[in-house]
N, C-alpha and C. Protein backbone atom coordinates (compact mmCIF):
# COMPACT_ATOMS: atom_id res chain seq x y z
N UNK A 1 -20.89 -24.83 9.63
CA UNK A 1 -21.31 -24.13 8.65
C UNK A 1 -22.27 -22.58 9.06
N UNK A 2 -22.79 -23.36 10.13
CA UNK A 2 -23.22 -22.09 10.88
C UNK A 2 -22.29 -21.22 11.17
N UNK A 3 -21.49 -21.44 12.16
CA UNK A 3 -20.42 -21.08 12.63
C UNK A 3 -19.52 -20.30 11.62
N UNK A 4 -19.44 -20.49 10.58
CA UNK A 4 -18.52 -19.81 9.32
C UNK A 4 -19.55 -18.93 9.22
N UNK A 5 -20.35 -19.03 8.70
CA UNK A 5 -21.72 -18.04 7.97
C UNK A 5 -21.88 -16.67 9.35
N UNK A 6 -21.27 -17.45 10.78
CA UNK A 6 -21.50 -15.92 11.50
C UNK A 6 -20.45 -15.51 11.26
N UNK A 7 -18.94 -15.79 11.36
CA UNK A 7 -18.06 -15.41 11.00
C UNK A 7 -17.92 -14.41 9.90
N UNK A 8 -18.68 -15.12 8.59
CA UNK A 8 -18.55 -13.89 7.46
C UNK A 8 -19.44 -12.82 7.62
N UNK A 9 -20.38 -12.97 8.67
CA UNK A 9 -21.34 -12.14 8.70
C UNK A 9 -20.61 -10.73 9.30
N UNK A 10 -19.88 -11.59 10.64
CA UNK A 10 -19.40 -10.37 11.23
C UNK A 10 -18.13 -9.99 10.45
N UNK A 11 -17.51 -10.57 9.84
CA UNK A 11 -16.27 -9.71 9.54
C UNK A 11 -16.88 -8.59 8.24
N UNK A 12 -17.96 -9.14 7.45
CA UNK A 12 -18.29 -8.04 6.70
C UNK A 12 -18.95 -6.72 7.68
N UNK A 13 -19.92 -6.91 8.62
CA UNK A 13 -20.32 -6.11 9.19
C UNK A 13 -19.37 -4.90 9.66
N UNK A 14 -18.64 -5.33 10.61
CA UNK A 14 -17.30 -5.08 11.18
C UNK A 14 -16.31 -3.97 10.01
N UNK A 15 -16.52 -4.65 8.97
CA UNK A 15 -15.72 -3.79 7.56
C UNK A 15 -16.92 -2.68 7.31
N UNK A 16 -17.78 -2.88 7.02
CA UNK A 16 -19.13 -2.02 6.58
C UNK A 16 -19.11 -0.81 7.49
N UNK A 17 -19.32 -1.33 8.60
CA UNK A 17 -19.42 -0.18 10.41
C UNK A 17 -18.08 0.42 10.46
N UNK A 18 -16.94 0.42 10.00
CA UNK A 18 -15.70 0.41 9.89
C UNK A 18 -15.87 1.70 8.65
N UNK A 19 -15.59 1.32 7.50
CA UNK A 19 -15.74 2.12 6.32
C UNK A 19 -17.20 3.63 6.22
N UNK A 20 -18.27 3.02 6.74
CA UNK A 20 -19.07 3.97 7.21
C UNK A 20 -19.14 4.82 7.95
N UNK A 21 -18.31 4.61 9.05
CA UNK A 21 -17.79 5.54 10.06
C UNK A 21 -16.49 6.49 9.33
N UNK A 22 -15.94 5.77 8.66
CA UNK A 22 -14.57 6.65 8.15
C UNK A 22 -15.18 7.99 7.06
N UNK A 23 -16.44 7.29 6.08
CA UNK A 23 -16.98 8.08 4.89
C UNK A 23 -18.19 9.25 5.86
N UNK A 24 -18.64 9.02 7.04
CA UNK A 24 -19.42 9.68 7.40
C UNK A 24 -18.90 11.11 8.04
N UNK A 25 -17.52 10.34 8.59
CA UNK A 25 -16.63 11.72 8.99
C UNK A 25 -15.24 12.14 7.98
N UNK A 26 -15.88 12.03 7.45
CA UNK A 26 -14.55 11.81 5.98
C UNK A 26 -13.88 13.61 6.11
N UNK A 27 -14.46 14.64 6.12
CA UNK A 27 -13.97 15.66 6.56
C UNK A 27 -12.66 15.65 7.90
N UNK A 28 -12.84 14.64 8.57
CA UNK A 28 -11.47 15.08 9.19
C UNK A 28 -10.92 13.28 9.67
N UNK A 29 -11.39 12.41 8.41
CA UNK A 29 -10.73 11.16 8.36
C UNK A 29 -9.59 10.88 7.36
N UNK A 30 -9.29 11.72 6.40
CA UNK A 30 -8.24 11.73 5.77
C UNK A 30 -7.11 13.00 6.24
N UNK A 31 -5.65 13.30 4.93
CA UNK A 31 -5.06 14.15 5.12
C UNK A 31 -4.37 13.75 6.43
N UNK A 32 -3.77 15.13 6.75
CA UNK A 32 -2.34 15.52 7.56
C UNK A 32 -2.84 15.06 9.73
N UNK A 33 -3.36 15.93 9.61
CA UNK A 33 -4.08 15.86 10.93
C UNK A 33 -5.42 15.40 10.68
N UNK A 34 -5.05 14.22 11.38
CA UNK A 34 -7.18 13.39 11.43
C UNK A 34 -7.85 12.64 12.40
N UNK A 35 -9.23 13.21 12.92
CA UNK A 35 -9.43 12.10 13.95
C UNK A 35 -10.73 10.99 13.09
N UNK A 36 -9.80 9.84 12.70
CA UNK A 36 -10.08 8.55 12.63
C UNK A 36 -11.57 8.21 13.52
N UNK A 37 -12.80 8.35 13.54
CA UNK A 37 -13.57 8.18 14.72
C UNK A 37 -13.20 6.48 14.63
N UNK A 38 -13.74 5.71 13.36
CA UNK A 38 -13.31 4.18 12.93
C UNK A 38 -12.34 3.44 13.45
N UNK A 39 -11.72 4.41 14.08
CA UNK A 39 -10.26 4.09 14.54
C UNK A 39 -10.35 2.84 15.99
N UNK A 40 -11.76 3.66 16.44
CA UNK A 40 -11.95 3.08 18.11
C UNK A 40 -12.09 1.52 18.14
N UNK A 41 -12.88 1.20 16.72
CA UNK A 41 -12.96 -0.12 15.97
C UNK A 41 -12.28 -1.13 16.19
N UNK A 42 -10.70 -0.24 16.19
CA UNK A 42 -9.65 -1.37 16.10
C UNK A 42 -9.66 -2.07 17.63
N UNK A 43 -9.49 -1.62 18.68
CA UNK A 43 -9.90 -1.94 20.13
C UNK A 43 -10.95 -3.38 20.05
N UNK A 44 -11.47 -3.51 18.69
CA UNK A 44 -13.09 -4.67 18.98
C UNK A 44 -12.16 -5.42 19.07
N UNK A 45 -10.22 -5.87 18.64
CA UNK A 45 -9.52 -7.27 18.19
C UNK A 45 -9.05 -7.40 19.48
N UNK A 46 -9.83 -6.14 20.63
CA UNK A 46 -9.20 -6.58 22.21
C UNK A 46 -9.86 -7.42 22.74
N UNK A 47 -11.33 -7.02 22.32
CA UNK A 47 -12.64 -7.93 23.02
C UNK A 47 -12.37 -9.04 22.48
N UNK A 48 -12.25 -9.20 20.71
CA UNK A 48 -12.33 -10.98 19.75
C UNK A 48 -11.29 -10.62 18.98
N UNK A 49 -10.22 -11.12 19.22
CA UNK A 49 -9.27 -10.76 18.03
C UNK A 49 -9.71 -11.16 16.39
N UNK A 50 -10.30 -12.43 16.45
CA UNK A 50 -11.32 -12.73 15.11
C UNK A 50 -11.88 -11.34 14.53
N UNK A 51 -12.06 -10.56 15.15
CA UNK A 51 -12.90 -8.96 14.23
C UNK A 51 -11.45 -8.33 13.75
N UNK A 52 -10.32 -8.60 13.49
CA UNK A 52 -9.05 -8.41 12.98
C UNK A 52 -8.94 -8.51 11.33
N UNK A 53 -9.79 -9.08 10.80
CA UNK A 53 -9.92 -9.41 9.09
C UNK A 53 -10.81 -8.42 8.84
N UNK A 54 -11.81 -8.28 9.59
CA UNK A 54 -12.85 -7.01 9.15
C UNK A 54 -12.75 -5.64 9.25
N UNK A 55 -11.71 -5.84 10.44
CA UNK A 55 -10.94 -4.20 10.36
C UNK A 55 -9.93 -3.71 9.21
N UNK A 56 -9.19 -4.70 9.57
CA UNK A 56 -8.78 -4.84 8.09
C UNK A 56 -9.25 -4.17 6.38
N UNK A 57 -10.43 -5.34 6.18
CA UNK A 57 -11.27 -4.85 5.59
C UNK A 57 -12.06 -3.61 5.24
N UNK A 58 -12.29 -3.26 6.52
CA UNK A 58 -12.97 -2.06 6.28
C UNK A 58 -12.03 -0.45 6.13
N UNK A 59 -10.40 -0.78 7.03
CA UNK A 59 -9.70 0.34 6.16
C UNK A 59 -9.53 0.22 5.10
N UNK A 60 -9.59 -1.33 4.04
CA UNK A 60 -9.53 -0.94 2.92
C UNK A 60 -10.40 -0.41 1.80
N UNK A 61 -11.59 -0.74 2.66
CA UNK A 61 -12.57 0.04 1.77
C UNK A 61 -12.70 1.31 2.03
N UNK A 62 -12.70 1.87 3.42
CA UNK A 62 -12.29 3.40 3.88
C UNK A 62 -11.12 4.13 3.16
N UNK A 63 -10.12 3.46 2.86
CA UNK A 63 -9.32 4.52 2.10
C UNK A 63 -9.42 4.19 0.54
N UNK A 64 -10.07 3.96 0.18
CA UNK A 64 -10.23 3.30 -1.45
C UNK A 64 -11.28 5.10 -1.97
N UNK A 65 -11.78 5.81 -1.12
CA UNK A 65 -11.88 6.80 -0.82
C UNK A 65 -11.27 7.69 -0.31
N UNK A 66 -10.13 7.62 0.23
CA UNK A 66 -9.51 8.66 0.31
C UNK A 66 -8.35 9.60 -0.97
N UNK A 67 -8.30 10.90 -1.03
CA UNK A 67 -8.08 11.77 -1.32
C UNK A 67 -6.52 11.43 -1.94
N UNK A 68 -5.59 10.61 -1.34
CA UNK A 68 -4.30 10.71 -1.14
C UNK A 68 -4.19 9.54 -2.28
N UNK A 69 -4.70 8.53 -2.68
CA UNK A 69 -5.04 7.29 -3.44
C UNK A 69 -4.94 6.12 -2.94
N UNK A 70 -4.17 5.16 -3.74
CA UNK A 70 -3.77 4.12 -3.64
C UNK A 70 -2.89 4.04 -2.86
N UNK A 71 -1.98 4.72 -2.73
CA UNK A 71 -0.64 4.53 -1.68
C UNK A 71 -1.60 4.66 0.08
N UNK A 72 -2.57 5.24 -0.03
CA UNK A 72 -3.07 5.24 1.44
C UNK A 72 -4.15 4.13 1.78
N UNK A 73 -4.46 3.29 0.36
CA UNK A 73 -4.99 1.75 1.05
C UNK A 73 -4.15 1.11 1.62
N UNK A 74 -2.50 1.10 0.44
CA UNK A 74 -1.40 0.69 1.21
C UNK A 74 -1.22 0.73 2.13
N UNK A 75 -0.46 1.96 2.87
CA UNK A 75 0.24 1.89 4.31
C UNK A 75 -0.87 2.08 5.19
N UNK A 76 -2.09 2.85 4.90
CA UNK A 76 -2.63 2.48 5.64
C UNK A 76 -3.53 1.28 6.50
N UNK A 77 -3.85 0.63 5.52
CA UNK A 77 -4.81 -1.12 5.91
C UNK A 77 -3.61 -1.55 6.40
N UNK A 78 -2.10 -1.52 6.04
CA UNK A 78 -1.04 -2.36 6.50
C UNK A 78 -0.56 -1.73 8.07
N UNK A 79 -0.98 -0.27 8.25
CA UNK A 79 -0.88 0.22 9.47
C UNK A 79 -1.63 -0.47 10.42
N UNK A 80 -2.97 -0.40 9.98
CA UNK A 80 -4.10 -1.17 10.78
C UNK A 80 -3.65 -2.45 10.55
N UNK A 81 -3.21 -3.41 10.07
CA UNK A 81 -2.62 -4.84 10.09
C UNK A 81 -1.94 -4.93 11.48
N UNK A 82 -0.73 -3.68 11.31
CA UNK A 82 -0.12 -3.69 12.59
C UNK A 82 -0.34 -3.95 13.71
N UNK A 83 -1.38 -3.06 13.72
CA UNK A 83 -1.67 -2.54 14.98
C UNK A 83 -2.55 -3.66 15.41
N UNK A 84 -3.28 -4.20 14.48
CA UNK A 84 -4.24 -5.39 15.34
C UNK A 84 -3.27 -6.62 15.92
N UNK A 85 -2.23 -6.64 15.23
CA UNK A 85 -1.19 -7.84 15.41
C UNK A 85 -1.03 -7.40 17.30
N UNK A 86 -0.46 -5.85 17.32
CA UNK A 86 0.04 -5.84 18.65
C UNK A 86 -1.23 -6.02 19.66
N UNK A 87 -2.26 -5.43 19.40
CA UNK A 87 -3.39 -5.40 20.33
C UNK A 87 -3.83 -6.80 20.43
N UNK A 88 -3.43 -7.62 19.28
CA UNK A 88 -3.98 -9.01 20.36
C UNK A 88 -3.06 -10.07 21.31
N UNK A 89 -1.28 -9.56 20.48
CA UNK A 89 -0.34 -10.02 21.31
C UNK A 89 -0.38 -9.35 22.85
N UNK A 90 0.05 -8.15 23.03
CA UNK A 90 -0.50 -7.57 24.18
C UNK A 90 -1.80 -8.12 24.73
N UNK A 91 -3.35 -8.65 24.60
CA UNK A 91 -4.20 -9.13 25.07
C UNK A 91 -3.66 -10.63 25.63
N UNK A 92 -3.27 -11.41 24.45
CA UNK A 92 -3.09 -12.46 24.75
C UNK A 92 -1.64 -12.82 25.93
N UNK A 93 -0.67 -11.72 26.22
CA UNK A 93 0.13 -11.92 27.10
C UNK A 93 -0.33 -10.65 28.88
N UNK A 94 -0.77 -9.90 28.47
CA UNK A 94 -1.59 -9.54 29.65
C UNK A 94 -2.84 -9.47 30.03
N UNK A 95 -3.66 -10.46 29.47
CA UNK A 95 -4.91 -10.80 29.89
C UNK A 95 -5.90 -9.53 29.00
N UNK A 96 -7.36 -9.37 29.44
CA UNK A 96 -8.21 -8.60 29.13
C UNK A 96 -8.15 -8.17 30.44
N UNK A 97 -8.35 -6.71 30.53
CA UNK A 97 -8.11 -6.05 31.14
C UNK A 97 -7.87 -4.42 31.35
N UNK A 98 -7.67 -3.78 31.96
CA UNK A 98 -7.84 -2.33 31.54
C UNK A 98 -6.38 -1.80 31.23
N UNK A 99 -5.44 -1.98 32.14
CA UNK A 99 -3.95 -1.67 32.05
C UNK A 99 -4.05 -2.62 30.55
N UNK A 100 -4.17 -3.49 30.28
CA UNK A 100 -3.87 -4.02 29.13
C UNK A 100 -4.03 -3.38 27.87
N UNK A 101 -5.60 -3.19 27.89
CA UNK A 101 -6.53 -2.17 27.29
C UNK A 101 -5.77 -1.00 26.33
N UNK A 102 -5.23 -0.40 27.59
CA UNK A 102 -4.67 0.82 27.26
C UNK A 102 -2.99 0.54 26.65
N UNK A 103 -2.30 -0.26 27.29
CA UNK A 103 -0.87 -1.31 26.46
C UNK A 103 -1.31 -0.77 24.94
N UNK A 104 -2.39 -1.96 24.76
CA UNK A 104 -3.19 -2.13 23.45
C UNK A 104 -2.98 -1.42 22.61
N UNK A 105 -3.89 -0.25 23.01
CA UNK A 105 -4.28 0.98 22.10
C UNK A 105 -3.15 1.75 21.67
N UNK A 106 -1.98 1.54 22.17
CA UNK A 106 -0.79 2.67 21.43
C UNK A 106 -0.02 1.77 20.28
N UNK A 107 -0.41 0.45 20.01
CA UNK A 107 -0.42 0.09 18.76
C UNK A 107 -0.99 0.99 17.64
N UNK A 108 -2.08 0.76 17.46
CA UNK A 108 -2.76 2.21 16.43
C UNK A 108 -1.80 3.06 16.94
N UNK A 109 -1.10 3.67 17.66
CA UNK A 109 -1.26 5.32 17.40
C UNK A 109 0.30 5.42 16.96
N UNK A 110 1.50 4.25 17.43
CA UNK A 110 2.76 4.44 16.68
C UNK A 110 3.00 3.66 14.91
N UNK A 111 1.86 2.67 14.88
CA UNK A 111 1.53 2.14 13.62
C UNK A 111 1.39 3.04 12.71
N UNK A 112 0.15 3.76 13.25
CA UNK A 112 -0.34 4.93 12.01
C UNK A 112 0.86 5.99 11.93
N UNK A 113 1.18 6.36 13.36
CA UNK A 113 2.28 7.75 12.91
C UNK A 113 3.18 7.29 12.71
N UNK A 114 3.79 5.95 12.11
CA UNK A 114 5.40 5.79 11.61
C UNK A 114 4.97 5.40 10.14
N UNK A 115 4.03 4.32 9.73
CA UNK A 115 3.14 4.64 8.27
C UNK A 115 2.83 5.27 7.78
N UNK A 116 1.70 5.92 8.63
CA UNK A 116 1.12 7.17 7.69
C UNK A 116 1.81 8.06 7.76
N UNK A 117 2.44 8.69 8.49
CA UNK A 117 3.42 9.57 8.44
C UNK A 117 4.24 9.67 7.51
N UNK A 118 5.00 8.36 7.73
CA UNK A 118 5.79 8.13 6.22
C UNK A 118 5.06 8.41 5.25
N UNK A 119 3.87 7.83 4.85
CA UNK A 119 3.52 8.28 3.73
C UNK A 119 3.37 9.29 3.21
N UNK A 120 3.10 10.82 4.40
CA UNK A 120 2.61 12.15 4.52
C UNK A 120 3.83 12.59 3.71
N UNK A 121 4.82 12.17 3.99
CA UNK A 121 6.23 12.41 3.93
C UNK A 121 6.94 12.73 2.52
N UNK A 122 6.32 11.43 1.82
CA UNK A 122 6.33 10.72 0.58
C UNK A 122 6.33 11.78 -0.33
N UNK A 123 4.31 11.79 0.30
CA UNK A 123 3.41 12.40 -0.60
C UNK A 123 3.43 14.26 -0.65
N UNK A 124 4.25 14.71 0.08
CA UNK A 124 4.12 16.04 0.32
C UNK A 124 5.60 16.56 0.55
N UNK A 125 6.45 15.96 0.99
CA UNK A 125 7.68 16.54 1.20
C UNK A 125 8.10 17.24 2.39
N UNK A 126 7.13 17.02 3.09
CA UNK A 126 6.81 17.15 4.22
C UNK A 126 8.00 16.52 5.25
N UNK A 127 8.28 17.35 6.52
CA UNK A 127 8.91 16.62 7.27
C UNK A 127 8.39 15.69 8.38
N UNK A 128 9.36 13.92 8.18
CA UNK A 128 8.63 13.04 9.07
C UNK A 128 7.95 13.01 10.05
N UNK A 129 8.36 13.71 10.81
CA UNK A 129 8.16 14.00 12.52
C UNK A 129 7.42 14.33 13.24
N UNK A 130 7.43 15.52 12.09
CA UNK A 130 5.70 16.55 11.91
C UNK A 130 4.48 16.05 11.36
N UNK A 131 5.23 15.29 10.45
CA UNK A 131 3.65 14.06 9.70
C UNK A 131 3.31 13.42 11.39
N UNK A 132 4.27 12.65 11.85
CA UNK A 132 4.25 11.46 12.49
C UNK A 132 3.22 12.10 13.83
N UNK A 133 3.94 13.02 14.19
CA UNK A 133 3.14 13.65 15.58
C UNK A 133 1.90 13.96 15.12
N UNK A 134 1.44 14.67 14.01
CA UNK A 134 0.04 14.97 13.54
C UNK A 134 -0.60 13.89 13.70
N UNK A 135 -0.56 12.64 13.29
CA UNK A 135 -1.32 11.41 13.00
C UNK A 135 -1.39 10.62 14.42
N UNK A 136 -0.17 11.11 14.93
CA UNK A 136 0.14 10.49 16.45
C UNK A 136 -1.17 10.70 17.23
N UNK A 137 -1.07 12.49 17.11
CA UNK A 137 -1.86 13.20 17.74
C UNK A 137 -3.14 12.65 17.44
N UNK A 138 -3.67 12.56 16.32
CA UNK A 138 -4.87 12.07 16.13
C UNK A 138 -5.35 10.55 16.04
N UNK A 139 -4.52 9.83 16.71
CA UNK A 139 -4.67 8.30 16.89
C UNK A 139 -4.68 8.51 18.30
N UNK A 140 -3.66 8.99 19.00
CA UNK A 140 -4.21 9.04 20.92
C UNK A 140 -5.36 9.45 21.21
N UNK A 141 -6.12 10.34 20.35
CA UNK A 141 -7.26 10.95 21.15
C UNK A 141 -8.27 10.82 20.93
N UNK A 142 -8.28 9.70 19.34
CA UNK A 142 -9.04 8.60 19.41
C UNK A 142 -9.58 7.18 19.59
N UNK A 143 -7.85 6.59 19.55
CA UNK A 143 -8.05 5.17 20.24
C UNK A 143 -7.75 5.12 21.38
N UNK A 144 -6.31 5.99 22.44
CA UNK A 144 -6.05 5.78 23.58
C UNK A 144 -7.29 6.85 24.24
N UNK A 145 -7.56 7.52 24.01
CA UNK A 145 -8.09 8.34 25.30
C UNK A 145 -9.64 8.28 24.83
N UNK A 146 -10.30 7.97 23.70
CA UNK A 146 -11.81 7.82 23.73
C UNK A 146 -11.63 6.52 23.43
N UNK A 147 -11.52 5.69 22.69
CA UNK A 147 -11.32 4.16 22.68
C UNK A 147 -11.34 3.32 23.99
N UNK A 148 -10.34 3.31 24.68
CA UNK A 148 -10.13 2.66 26.03
C UNK A 148 -11.77 2.64 26.78
N UNK A 149 -12.09 4.15 26.39
CA UNK A 149 -13.14 4.09 27.61
C UNK A 149 -14.45 3.34 26.89
N UNK A 150 -14.56 3.91 25.67
CA UNK A 150 -15.59 2.45 25.05
C UNK A 150 -15.87 1.16 25.52
N UNK A 151 -14.11 0.78 25.01
CA UNK A 151 -14.32 -0.44 25.03
C UNK A 151 -13.94 -1.08 26.01
N UNK A 152 -13.51 -0.50 27.08
CA UNK A 152 -13.62 -1.05 29.07
C UNK A 152 -15.02 -1.03 29.39
N UNK A 153 -16.20 -0.03 28.88
CA UNK A 153 -17.52 0.02 29.12
C UNK A 153 -18.04 -1.06 28.62
N UNK A 154 -17.47 -1.74 27.10
CA UNK A 154 -18.08 -2.65 26.78
C UNK A 154 -17.31 -3.83 27.39
N UNK A 155 -16.29 -4.32 27.45
CA UNK A 155 -15.95 -4.73 28.46
C UNK A 155 -16.13 -5.61 29.67
N UNK A 156 -16.99 -4.72 30.89
CA UNK A 156 -17.52 -4.85 32.00
C UNK A 156 -19.03 -5.39 31.78
N UNK A 157 -19.39 -5.25 30.04
CA UNK A 157 -20.52 -5.75 30.47
C UNK A 157 -20.74 -7.10 29.97
N UNK A 158 -21.08 -7.96 30.87
CA UNK A 158 -20.80 -9.27 30.35
C UNK A 158 -21.86 -9.88 29.74
N UNK A 159 -22.89 -9.48 29.24
CA UNK A 159 -23.61 -9.97 28.61
C UNK A 159 -23.78 -9.30 27.01
N UNK A 160 -23.26 -8.61 26.86
CA UNK A 160 -22.75 -7.29 25.50
C UNK A 160 -21.70 -8.42 24.89
N UNK A 161 -19.94 -8.87 25.71
CA UNK A 161 -19.14 -9.20 25.21
C UNK A 161 -19.84 -10.65 25.09
N UNK A 162 -20.16 -11.34 25.01
CA UNK A 162 -21.02 -12.38 25.24
C UNK A 162 -22.04 -12.74 23.93
N UNK A 163 -22.17 -11.42 23.42
CA UNK A 163 -22.59 -11.27 21.88
C UNK A 163 -21.54 -10.94 21.26
N UNK A 164 -20.50 -10.17 21.65
CA UNK A 164 -19.70 -9.52 20.46
C UNK A 164 -18.80 -11.07 20.50
N UNK A 165 -18.91 -12.05 21.20
CA UNK A 165 -17.72 -13.29 20.93
C UNK A 165 -18.46 -14.14 19.71
N UNK A 166 -16.95 -14.72 19.12
CA UNK A 166 -17.42 -15.90 18.22
C UNK A 166 -17.95 -17.46 18.72
N UNK A 167 -18.53 -17.66 20.03
CA UNK A 167 -18.53 -18.77 19.95
C UNK A 167 -19.70 -19.54 19.77
């Protein structure tokens, strides 16, 4: 029972942190060009795959406030789900190292560029490639450039990794 409570608590906590960071930086978290700081957290699925459900729930909560409406809840959350699946698969295949982390960070870039880019094309009747490019630039900046630095430092800290694990 204690392990289950810890899992529920950490899932709720990661969801709340993701949503809170998105709300705190709302001015740059939504629309065509977005630098969603909370997206750094998707790389926590690289540290511990069990963070995945909390990240998806956090994205759902964050997108409930999106000016783009319910379509953003569906498309954005599904993009996050696919990104987490990619991240955990890369970690499983390549291990927990810097090279694997960088490769894993590309999952959110592509899933968001394609799905959110498609959503923007549908909503605003603007060119898909342009939308995908803008969303991809935001994701590569936040997740690949900033996120991999943050998470790589966390991975090197054994005591922090032990506290973040679900054991």
